[in-house]
Amino acid sequence: MLREAGKFFLGGILLLAWILCAADQAVVTFFGSEFCTDCQEFKQQWQEEMTEEGDPVLVYVCIDDLENYAFLKSVESALQVENATNVFPVMLAGRHFLYGVEEIRGHLEEALAWSQEESSPELLAGIFETAQGSTEHFLAWNAPRTVKKDGAAGKIL
């Protein structure tokens, strides 16, 4: 009986340790378009170069989808970004936004350090959940869908 309790306790400690380690996963959110050559090149370069354990996970959010674009705007608003532009790609690392491939490449080392910072977990919870525990360094993510109903028929539009 004591041995079984010990195994349960040890298992609980190991699970807690795994959760705490996974919570330290650095995440960079990359908003881009499938029609953006710079976006595609940057994603490819990230996948080729960020392969080491401990490298941040790049979570790609395609703004071609209106829900994802609206999500970007809500994140900018929540983080009180004053200089938001419509230049893409957009990178979010910690609480810092970078706009356009030149700014991203010019501040990439800083962005990697910023990715260790806490940003806005409640708003980005879905992104962080996707990244935690991943063995991949590049993932795609979509904002949750807003369901609209068509009058009494209740059709999903």
N, C-alpha and C. Protein backbone atom coordinates (compact mmCIF):
# COMPACT_ATOMS: atom_id res chain seq x y z
N MET A 1 0.82 -1.19 0.00
CA MET A 1 0.00 0.00 0.00
C MET A 1 0.87 1.26 0.00
N LEU A 2 1.88 1.27 0.87
CA LEU A 2 2.78 2.41 0.94
C LEU A 2 3.55 2.57 -0.36
N ARG A 3 3.95 1.44 -0.93
CA ARG A 3 4.69 1.46 -2.19
C ARG A 3 3.83 2.07 -3.30
N GLU A 4 2.54 1.70 -3.35
CA GLU A 4 1.61 2.24 -4.35
C GLU A 4 1.43 3.75 -4.16
N ALA A 5 1.30 4.18 -2.90
CA ALA A 5 1.16 5.61 -2.61
C ALA A 5 2.42 6.35 -3.03
N GLY A 6 3.57 5.75 -2.83
CA GLY A 6 4.83 6.36 -3.23
C GLY A 6 4.92 6.53 -4.74
N LYS A 7 4.47 5.53 -5.47
CA LYS A 7 4.46 5.61 -6.94
C LYS A 7 3.53 6.73 -7.41
N PHE A 8 2.36 6.81 -6.75
CA PHE A 8 1.39 7.85 -7.11
C PHE A 8 1.99 9.24 -6.84
N PHE A 9 2.63 9.39 -5.67
CA PHE A 9 3.24 10.66 -5.30
C PHE A 9 4.36 11.03 -6.28
N LEU A 10 5.23 10.07 -6.58
CA LEU A 10 6.33 10.30 -7.51
C LEU A 10 5.79 10.66 -8.90
N GLY A 11 4.74 9.95 -9.32
CA GLY A 11 4.13 10.25 -10.62
C GLY A 11 3.58 11.67 -10.65
N GLY A 12 2.97 12.10 -9.55
CA GLY A 12 2.44 13.47 -9.46
C GLY A 12 3.55 14.50 -9.54
N ILE A 13 4.67 14.22 -8.87
CA ILE A 13 5.81 15.15 -8.91
C ILE A 13 6.38 15.23 -10.32
N LEU A 14 6.52 14.09 -10.99
CA LEU A 14 7.04 14.10 -12.36
C LEU A 14 6.11 14.85 -13.31
N LEU A 15 4.80 14.67 -13.14
CA LEU A 15 3.83 15.38 -13.97
C LEU A 15 3.94 16.88 -13.73
N LEU A 16 4.04 17.29 -12.48
CA LEU A 16 4.17 18.71 -12.15
C LEU A 16 5.45 19.27 -12.75
N ALA A 17 6.55 18.53 -12.64
CA ALA A 17 7.83 18.99 -13.21
C ALA A 17 7.71 19.14 -14.72
N TRP A 18 7.04 18.20 -15.39
CA TRP A 18 6.87 18.29 -16.84
C TRP A 18 6.05 19.53 -17.20
N ILE A 19 4.97 19.79 -16.43
CA ILE A 19 4.15 20.97 -16.70
C ILE A 19 4.95 22.24 -16.52
N LEU A 20 5.75 22.31 -15.45
CA LEU A 20 6.54 23.51 -15.20
C LEU A 20 7.60 23.71 -16.28
N CYS A 21 8.22 22.63 -16.72
CA CYS A 21 9.22 22.75 -17.80
C CYS A 21 8.55 23.16 -19.10
N ALA A 22 7.39 22.57 -19.39
CA ALA A 22 6.68 22.89 -20.63
C ALA A 22 6.24 24.34 -20.63
N ALA A 23 5.91 24.88 -19.45
CA ALA A 23 5.46 26.26 -19.36
C ALA A 23 6.57 27.23 -19.72
N ASP A 24 7.82 26.76 -19.68
CA ASP A 24 8.96 27.61 -20.02
C ASP A 24 9.24 27.65 -21.51
N GLN A 25 8.47 26.93 -22.31
CA GLN A 25 8.67 26.90 -23.76
C GLN A 25 8.53 28.31 -24.33
N ALA A 26 9.57 28.79 -24.97
CA ALA A 26 9.52 30.11 -25.59
C ALA A 26 8.69 30.03 -26.86
N VAL A 27 7.85 31.03 -27.04
CA VAL A 27 6.94 31.05 -28.19
C VAL A 27 7.03 32.41 -28.89
N VAL A 28 7.15 32.37 -30.20
CA VAL A 28 7.09 33.56 -31.05
C VAL A 28 5.89 33.37 -31.96
N THR A 29 5.01 34.38 -31.99
CA THR A 29 3.83 34.30 -32.86
C THR A 29 4.12 35.11 -34.12
N PHE A 30 3.87 34.49 -35.26
CA PHE A 30 4.20 35.08 -36.56
C PHE A 30 2.92 35.18 -37.39
N PHE A 31 2.47 36.41 -37.62
CA PHE A 31 1.26 36.66 -38.42
C PHE A 31 1.71 36.96 -39.84
N GLY A 32 1.26 36.15 -40.79
CA GLY A 32 1.66 36.35 -42.17
C GLY A 32 0.59 35.87 -43.13
N SER A 33 0.94 35.88 -44.40
CA SER A 33 0.01 35.50 -45.46
C SER A 33 0.64 34.45 -46.36
N GLU A 34 -0.19 33.60 -46.90
CA GLU A 34 0.29 32.61 -47.86
C GLU A 34 0.73 33.27 -49.17
N PHE A 35 0.29 34.51 -49.40
CA PHE A 35 0.62 35.22 -50.63
C PHE A 35 1.81 36.16 -50.46
N CYS A 36 2.44 36.13 -49.31
CA CYS A 36 3.56 37.01 -48.97
C CYS A 36 4.87 36.23 -49.14
N THR A 37 5.68 36.61 -50.12
CA THR A 37 6.94 35.93 -50.37
C THR A 37 7.87 36.03 -49.17
N ASP A 38 7.96 37.23 -48.56
CA ASP A 38 8.81 37.39 -47.38
C ASP A 38 8.37 36.47 -46.25
N CYS A 39 7.06 36.32 -46.08
CA CYS A 39 6.52 35.45 -45.03
C CYS A 39 6.96 34.00 -45.27
N GLN A 40 6.82 33.54 -46.51
CA GLN A 40 7.17 32.17 -46.84
C GLN A 40 8.67 31.92 -46.65
N GLU A 41 9.49 32.89 -47.08
CA GLU A 41 10.93 32.75 -46.93
C GLU A 41 11.33 32.71 -45.45
N PHE A 42 10.70 33.57 -44.63
CA PHE A 42 11.04 33.60 -43.22
C PHE A 42 10.64 32.30 -42.54
N LYS A 43 9.46 31.78 -42.84
CA LYS A 43 9.02 30.50 -42.26
C LYS A 43 9.99 29.38 -42.64
N GLN A 44 10.40 29.36 -43.89
CA GLN A 44 11.33 28.32 -44.35
C GLN A 44 12.67 28.43 -43.63
N GLN A 45 13.18 29.65 -43.52
CA GLN A 45 14.45 29.87 -42.83
C GLN A 45 14.35 29.45 -41.36
N TRP A 46 13.24 29.79 -40.70
CA TRP A 46 13.04 29.41 -39.30
C TRP A 46 13.10 27.88 -39.16
N GLN A 47 12.41 27.19 -40.04
CA GLN A 47 12.36 25.73 -39.96
C GLN A 47 13.73 25.11 -40.19
N GLU A 48 14.56 25.75 -41.00
CA GLU A 48 15.89 25.23 -41.29
C GLU A 48 16.87 25.54 -40.16
N GLU A 49 16.74 26.70 -39.52
CA GLU A 49 17.73 27.14 -38.55
C GLU A 49 17.37 26.90 -37.10
N MET A 50 16.11 26.89 -36.75
CA MET A 50 15.70 26.72 -35.36
C MET A 50 15.38 25.26 -35.09
N THR A 51 16.41 24.48 -34.87
CA THR A 51 16.23 23.04 -34.72
C THR A 51 16.74 22.52 -33.38
N GLU A 52 17.38 23.38 -32.59
CA GLU A 52 17.97 22.96 -31.32
C GLU A 52 16.92 22.89 -30.22
N GLU A 53 17.12 21.99 -29.28
CA GLU A 53 16.25 21.95 -28.10
C GLU A 53 16.42 23.28 -27.37
N GLY A 54 15.31 23.87 -26.99
CA GLY A 54 15.36 25.18 -26.33
C GLY A 54 15.12 26.34 -27.27
N ASP A 55 15.21 26.10 -28.59
CA ASP A 55 14.87 27.16 -29.54
C ASP A 55 13.38 27.45 -29.42
N PRO A 56 12.98 28.71 -29.60
CA PRO A 56 11.55 29.04 -29.51
C PRO A 56 10.74 28.33 -30.59
N VAL A 57 9.48 28.13 -30.28
CA VAL A 57 8.52 27.61 -31.26
C VAL A 57 7.94 28.82 -32.00
N LEU A 58 7.94 28.77 -33.31
CA LEU A 58 7.30 29.79 -34.12
C LEU A 58 5.89 29.30 -34.43
N VAL A 59 4.90 30.04 -33.95
CA VAL A 59 3.51 29.69 -34.22
C VAL A 59 2.99 30.63 -35.29
N TYR A 60 2.70 30.06 -36.46
CA TYR A 60 2.26 30.83 -37.62
C TYR A 60 0.74 30.98 -37.60
N VAL A 61 0.29 32.23 -37.75
CA VAL A 61 -1.14 32.54 -37.82
C VAL A 61 -1.37 33.22 -39.17
N CYS A 62 -2.09 32.55 -40.06
CA CYS A 62 -2.31 33.07 -41.41
C CYS A 62 -3.43 34.10 -41.40
N ILE A 63 -3.08 35.36 -41.70
CA ILE A 63 -4.06 36.44 -41.66
C ILE A 63 -4.92 36.49 -42.92
N ASP A 64 -4.74 35.55 -43.84
CA ASP A 64 -5.65 35.44 -44.98
C ASP A 64 -7.04 35.06 -44.50
N ASP A 65 -7.10 34.38 -43.36
CA ASP A 65 -8.35 34.00 -42.71
C ASP A 65 -8.81 35.20 -41.88
N LEU A 66 -10.02 35.69 -42.11
CA LEU A 66 -10.51 36.88 -41.42
C LEU A 66 -10.55 36.72 -39.90
N GLU A 67 -10.83 35.53 -39.41
CA GLU A 67 -10.83 35.29 -37.96
C GLU A 67 -9.43 35.51 -37.39
N ASN A 68 -8.42 35.06 -38.12
CA ASN A 68 -7.04 35.22 -37.66
C ASN A 68 -6.61 36.69 -37.71
N TYR A 69 -7.05 37.41 -38.75
CA TYR A 69 -6.73 38.84 -38.85
C TYR A 69 -7.40 39.60 -37.69
N ALA A 70 -8.64 39.26 -37.40
CA ALA A 70 -9.35 39.89 -36.28
C ALA A 70 -8.64 39.57 -34.96
N PHE A 71 -8.12 38.36 -34.85
CA PHE A 71 -7.38 37.98 -33.66
C PHE A 71 -6.13 38.85 -33.50
N LEU A 72 -5.39 39.06 -34.59
CA LEU A 72 -4.21 39.94 -34.56
C LEU A 72 -4.60 41.31 -34.04
N LYS A 73 -5.68 41.88 -34.58
CA LYS A 73 -6.12 43.21 -34.17
C LYS A 73 -6.51 43.23 -32.70
N SER A 74 -7.13 42.17 -32.21
CA SER A 74 -7.52 42.14 -30.80
C SER A 74 -6.29 42.02 -29.89
N VAL A 75 -5.27 41.29 -30.33
CA VAL A 75 -4.03 41.19 -29.56
C VAL A 75 -3.34 42.55 -29.52
N GLU A 76 -3.28 43.22 -30.67
CA GLU A 76 -2.68 44.56 -30.70
C GLU A 76 -3.42 45.50 -29.75
N SER A 77 -4.72 45.44 -29.76
CA SER A 77 -5.53 46.29 -28.89
C SER A 77 -5.29 45.95 -27.42
N ALA A 78 -5.29 44.67 -27.09
CA ALA A 78 -5.09 44.24 -25.70
C ALA A 78 -3.72 44.65 -25.17
N LEU A 79 -2.72 44.61 -26.03
CA LEU A 79 -1.37 44.99 -25.63
C LEU A 79 -1.10 46.48 -25.83
N GLN A 80 -2.16 47.21 -26.21
CA GLN A 80 -2.11 48.66 -26.37
C GLN A 80 -1.00 49.11 -27.31
N VAL A 81 -0.95 48.48 -28.47
CA VAL A 81 0.04 48.83 -29.48
C VAL A 81 -0.41 50.13 -30.15
N GLU A 82 0.44 51.13 -30.08
CA GLU A 82 0.10 52.44 -30.65
C GLU A 82 0.56 52.59 -32.09
N ASN A 83 1.59 51.86 -32.48
CA ASN A 83 2.15 52.01 -33.82
C ASN A 83 1.80 50.85 -34.74
N ALA A 84 0.65 50.21 -34.53
CA ALA A 84 0.24 49.08 -35.37
C ALA A 84 0.10 49.54 -36.81
N THR A 85 0.60 48.73 -37.72
CA THR A 85 0.52 49.05 -39.14
C THR A 85 -0.07 47.85 -39.87
N ASN A 86 -0.29 48.01 -41.15
CA ASN A 86 -0.74 46.90 -41.98
C ASN A 86 0.41 46.33 -42.79
N VAL A 87 1.62 46.44 -42.27
CA VAL A 87 2.80 45.88 -42.90
C VAL A 87 2.97 44.46 -42.38
N PHE A 88 3.16 43.53 -43.30
CA PHE A 88 3.31 42.13 -42.91
C PHE A 88 4.62 41.60 -43.43
N PRO A 89 5.17 40.61 -42.78
CA PRO A 89 4.65 39.87 -41.65
C PRO A 89 4.74 40.68 -40.35
N VAL A 90 4.05 40.15 -39.33
CA VAL A 90 4.07 40.73 -38.00
C VAL A 90 4.55 39.65 -37.04
N MET A 91 5.49 40.01 -36.18
CA MET A 91 5.99 39.06 -35.18
C MET A 91 5.66 39.59 -33.79
N LEU A 92 5.17 38.70 -32.94
CA LEU A 92 4.93 39.02 -31.54
C LEU A 92 5.83 38.12 -30.70
N ALA A 93 6.72 38.75 -29.95
CA ALA A 93 7.62 38.03 -29.05
C ALA A 93 7.50 38.70 -27.69
N GLY A 94 7.04 37.94 -26.70
CA GLY A 94 6.76 38.56 -25.40
C GLY A 94 5.63 39.56 -25.58
N ARG A 95 5.88 40.81 -25.23
CA ARG A 95 4.89 41.88 -25.42
C ARG A 95 5.32 42.82 -26.55
N HIS A 96 6.26 42.40 -27.37
CA HIS A 96 6.84 43.26 -28.41
C HIS A 96 6.39 42.83 -29.80
N PHE A 97 5.91 43.80 -30.56
CA PHE A 97 5.54 43.58 -31.95
C PHE A 97 6.63 44.10 -32.87
N LEU A 98 6.89 43.37 -33.93
CA LEU A 98 7.78 43.82 -35.01
C LEU A 98 6.98 43.73 -36.30
N TYR A 99 7.08 44.79 -37.13
CA TYR A 99 6.29 44.87 -38.36
C TYR A 99 7.20 44.90 -39.59
N GLY A 100 6.99 43.97 -40.48
CA GLY A 100 7.75 43.91 -41.72
C GLY A 100 9.00 43.08 -41.57
N VAL A 101 9.41 42.46 -42.65
CA VAL A 101 10.53 41.52 -42.61
C VAL A 101 11.84 42.22 -42.25
N GLU A 102 12.03 43.47 -42.68
CA GLU A 102 13.28 44.17 -42.34
C GLU A 102 13.39 44.41 -40.84
N GLU A 103 12.29 44.86 -40.22
CA GLU A 103 12.31 45.09 -38.78
C GLU A 103 12.48 43.77 -38.03
N ILE A 104 11.83 42.72 -38.50
CA ILE A 104 11.96 41.41 -37.85
C ILE A 104 13.40 40.92 -37.92
N ARG A 105 13.98 40.94 -39.11
CA ARG A 105 15.36 40.47 -39.25
C ARG A 105 16.34 41.36 -38.48
N GLY A 106 16.07 42.66 -38.43
CA GLY A 106 16.93 43.60 -37.72
C GLY A 106 16.89 43.44 -36.21
N HIS A 107 15.83 42.86 -35.68
CA HIS A 107 15.67 42.72 -34.24
C HIS A 107 15.44 41.27 -33.83
N LEU A 108 15.89 40.33 -34.65
CA LEU A 108 15.60 38.92 -34.38
C LEU A 108 16.24 38.44 -33.07
N GLU A 109 17.48 38.82 -32.81
CA GLU A 109 18.13 38.40 -31.56
C GLU A 109 17.36 38.92 -30.35
N GLU A 110 16.92 40.17 -30.42
CA GLU A 110 16.11 40.72 -29.33
C GLU A 110 14.78 39.96 -29.21
N ALA A 111 14.17 39.66 -30.34
CA ALA A 111 12.90 38.94 -30.33
C ALA A 111 13.05 37.57 -29.68
N LEU A 112 14.16 36.91 -29.92
CA LEU A 112 14.38 35.60 -29.31
C LEU A 112 14.47 35.74 -27.78
N ALA A 113 15.09 36.82 -27.31
CA ALA A 113 15.14 37.07 -25.86
C ALA A 113 13.76 37.45 -25.35
N TRP A 114 13.03 38.28 -26.10
CA TRP A 114 11.69 38.69 -25.69
C TRP A 114 10.73 37.51 -25.60
N SER A 115 10.99 36.48 -26.41
CA SER A 115 10.08 35.33 -26.44
C SER A 115 10.04 34.62 -25.10
N GLN A 116 11.03 34.87 -24.24
CA GLN A 116 11.05 34.27 -22.91
C GLN A 116 10.15 35.02 -21.94
N GLU A 117 9.74 36.25 -22.31
CA GLU A 117 8.91 37.07 -21.44
C GLU A 117 7.46 36.60 -21.49
N GLU A 118 6.74 36.91 -20.44
CA GLU A 118 5.30 36.65 -20.43
C GLU A 118 4.64 37.75 -21.25
N SER A 119 3.69 37.39 -22.08
CA SER A 119 3.00 38.40 -22.87
C SER A 119 1.61 38.62 -22.30
N SER A 120 0.64 37.94 -22.80
CA SER A 120 -0.73 38.07 -22.33
C SER A 120 -1.35 36.68 -22.37
N PRO A 121 -1.01 35.84 -21.40
CA PRO A 121 -1.41 34.44 -21.46
C PRO A 121 -2.89 34.20 -21.67
N GLU A 122 -3.75 35.03 -21.07
CA GLU A 122 -5.19 34.80 -21.23
C GLU A 122 -5.62 34.97 -22.68
N LEU A 123 -5.05 35.92 -23.37
CA LEU A 123 -5.42 36.17 -24.76
C LEU A 123 -4.76 35.17 -25.71
N LEU A 124 -3.55 34.78 -25.38
CA LEU A 124 -2.79 33.89 -26.25
C LEU A 124 -2.78 32.44 -25.76
N ALA A 125 -3.71 32.11 -24.88
CA ALA A 125 -3.73 30.78 -24.27
C ALA A 125 -3.75 29.66 -25.31
N GLY A 126 -4.55 29.82 -26.36
CA GLY A 126 -4.63 28.78 -27.39
C GLY A 126 -3.30 28.56 -28.10
N ILE A 127 -2.59 29.65 -28.34
CA ILE A 127 -1.28 29.55 -29.00
C ILE A 127 -0.29 28.85 -28.08
N PHE A 128 -0.25 29.25 -26.81
CA PHE A 128 0.69 28.64 -25.88
C PHE A 128 0.37 27.17 -25.65
N GLU A 129 -0.91 26.82 -25.59
CA GLU A 129 -1.30 25.42 -25.42
C GLU A 129 -0.82 24.59 -26.61
N THR A 130 -0.92 25.16 -27.80
CA THR A 130 -0.47 24.46 -29.00
C THR A 130 1.04 24.22 -28.95
N ALA A 131 1.78 25.20 -28.46
CA ALA A 131 3.24 25.12 -28.48
C ALA A 131 3.83 24.27 -27.35
N GLN A 132 3.16 24.23 -26.21
CA GLN A 132 3.74 23.54 -25.05
C GLN A 132 3.93 22.06 -25.32
N GLY A 133 5.11 21.62 -25.02
CA GLY A 133 5.42 20.21 -25.16
C GLY A 133 5.68 19.77 -26.59
N SER A 134 5.64 20.72 -27.53
CA SER A 134 5.86 20.36 -28.93
C SER A 134 7.34 20.06 -29.17
N THR A 135 7.59 19.06 -29.97
CA THR A 135 8.96 18.78 -30.37
C THR A 135 9.30 19.51 -31.67
N GLU A 136 8.30 20.12 -32.28
CA GLU A 136 8.49 20.89 -33.50
C GLU A 136 8.79 22.34 -33.14
N HIS A 137 9.50 23.03 -34.01
CA HIS A 137 9.82 24.44 -33.79
C HIS A 137 9.01 25.35 -34.71
N PHE A 138 8.08 24.75 -35.46
CA PHE A 138 7.19 25.52 -36.32
C PHE A 138 5.82 24.86 -36.30
N LEU A 139 4.81 25.64 -35.93
CA LEU A 139 3.44 25.14 -35.88
C LEU A 139 2.51 26.18 -36.51
N ALA A 140 1.40 25.73 -37.03
CA ALA A 140 0.36 26.64 -37.53
C ALA A 140 -0.79 26.63 -36.54
N TRP A 141 -1.48 27.76 -36.42
CA TRP A 141 -2.58 27.89 -35.46
C TRP A 141 -3.66 28.77 -36.08
N ASN A 142 -4.91 28.48 -35.76
CA ASN A 142 -6.04 29.30 -36.20
C ASN A 142 -6.83 29.78 -35.01
N ALA A 143 -7.29 31.01 -35.09
CA ALA A 143 -8.13 31.58 -34.04
C ALA A 143 -9.42 30.77 -33.95
N PRO A 144 -10.00 30.70 -32.75
CA PRO A 144 -11.28 30.00 -32.61
C PRO A 144 -12.33 30.63 -33.52
N ARG A 145 -13.18 29.81 -34.08
CA ARG A 145 -14.22 30.26 -34.99
C ARG A 145 -15.37 30.90 -34.24
N THR A 146 -15.88 31.98 -34.80
CA THR A 146 -17.09 32.61 -34.28
C THR A 146 -18.26 31.99 -35.02
N VAL A 147 -19.21 31.43 -34.29
CA VAL A 147 -20.35 30.78 -34.91
C VAL A 147 -21.48 31.80 -35.01
N LYS A 148 -21.99 31.98 -36.23
CA LYS A 148 -23.11 32.89 -36.45
C LYS A 148 -24.29 32.06 -36.90
N LYS A 149 -25.45 32.42 -36.43
CA LYS A 149 -26.66 31.66 -36.81
C LYS A 149 -27.54 32.51 -37.71
N ASP A 150 -28.19 31.84 -38.63
CA ASP A 150 -29.07 32.49 -39.59
C ASP A 150 -30.51 32.44 -39.09
N GLY A 151 -30.93 33.46 -38.35
CA GLY A 151 -32.31 33.56 -37.88
C GLY A 151 -32.78 32.32 -37.16
N ALA A 152 -34.05 31.97 -37.37
CA ALA A 152 -34.69 30.85 -36.68
C ALA A 152 -34.17 29.51 -37.19
N ALA A 153 -33.61 29.52 -38.40
CA ALA A 153 -33.15 28.25 -38.99
C ALA A 153 -31.94 27.71 -38.23
N GLY A 154 -31.15 28.61 -37.62
CA GLY A 154 -29.98 28.18 -36.83
C GLY A 154 -28.86 27.58 -37.67
N LYS A 155 -28.76 27.97 -38.92
CA LYS A 155 -27.69 27.46 -39.77
C LYS A 155 -26.38 28.14 -39.42
N ILE A 156 -25.33 27.38 -39.49
CA ILE A 156 -24.00 27.95 -39.29
C ILE A 156 -23.56 28.54 -40.62
N LEU A 157 -23.23 29.82 -40.60
CA LEU A 157 -22.82 30.49 -41.84
C LEU A 157 -21.37 30.29 -42.12
